[in-house]
Amino acid sequence: MMLDSELKIIQQQKRFSQEQIKSLEAIFQSESKLQPRKKLQIAKDLGLQPRQVAIWFQNKRARWKSKQLQTDYNILRLSYDSLSSRFDILQTQNQSLTLQLKKLQQEMEKKATSSSNKSMGIVVSDADSIKPPVEQSIKLVS
């Protein structure tokens, strides 16, 4: 059950008028924290209690910070998504290039082996069997 003093406080709390809100918003744009003298002057100009002005600014800063965090999160999320996508593309390209490199290395090894075998007089057939050249084969005559 509410006490009479609590009920009076709740009844005294009123919403700000549109004009008061516009004025407070305009002031907030230029300065989000108020010095005590400035707070008293604003309260007097708008017909509010200094505590109402202080609480309005406190709440506005909290809402602004929350909104700013959400904006920052969205920016970071977009940046992350872009980087993640780019990473996936680069990873795929890297795998493709690595595969090409391995194939080229294998071809070079085959050519080097083939060239080395030719210089030694060894011929490699399609079946990859090594046979000595005809000129160098030794014929045994019995």
Foldseek 3Di string as FASTA:
>chain_A
DDDPVVVVVVVPDDDADPVLVVVLVVVCVVPLDDDQVVLVVSCVVRVHDSVVSVVVSVVVVVVVVVVVVVVVVVVVVVVVVVVVVVVVVVVVVVVVVVVVVVVVVVVVVVVVVCVVCVVVQWHADPVRDTDHDPVPDDDDDD
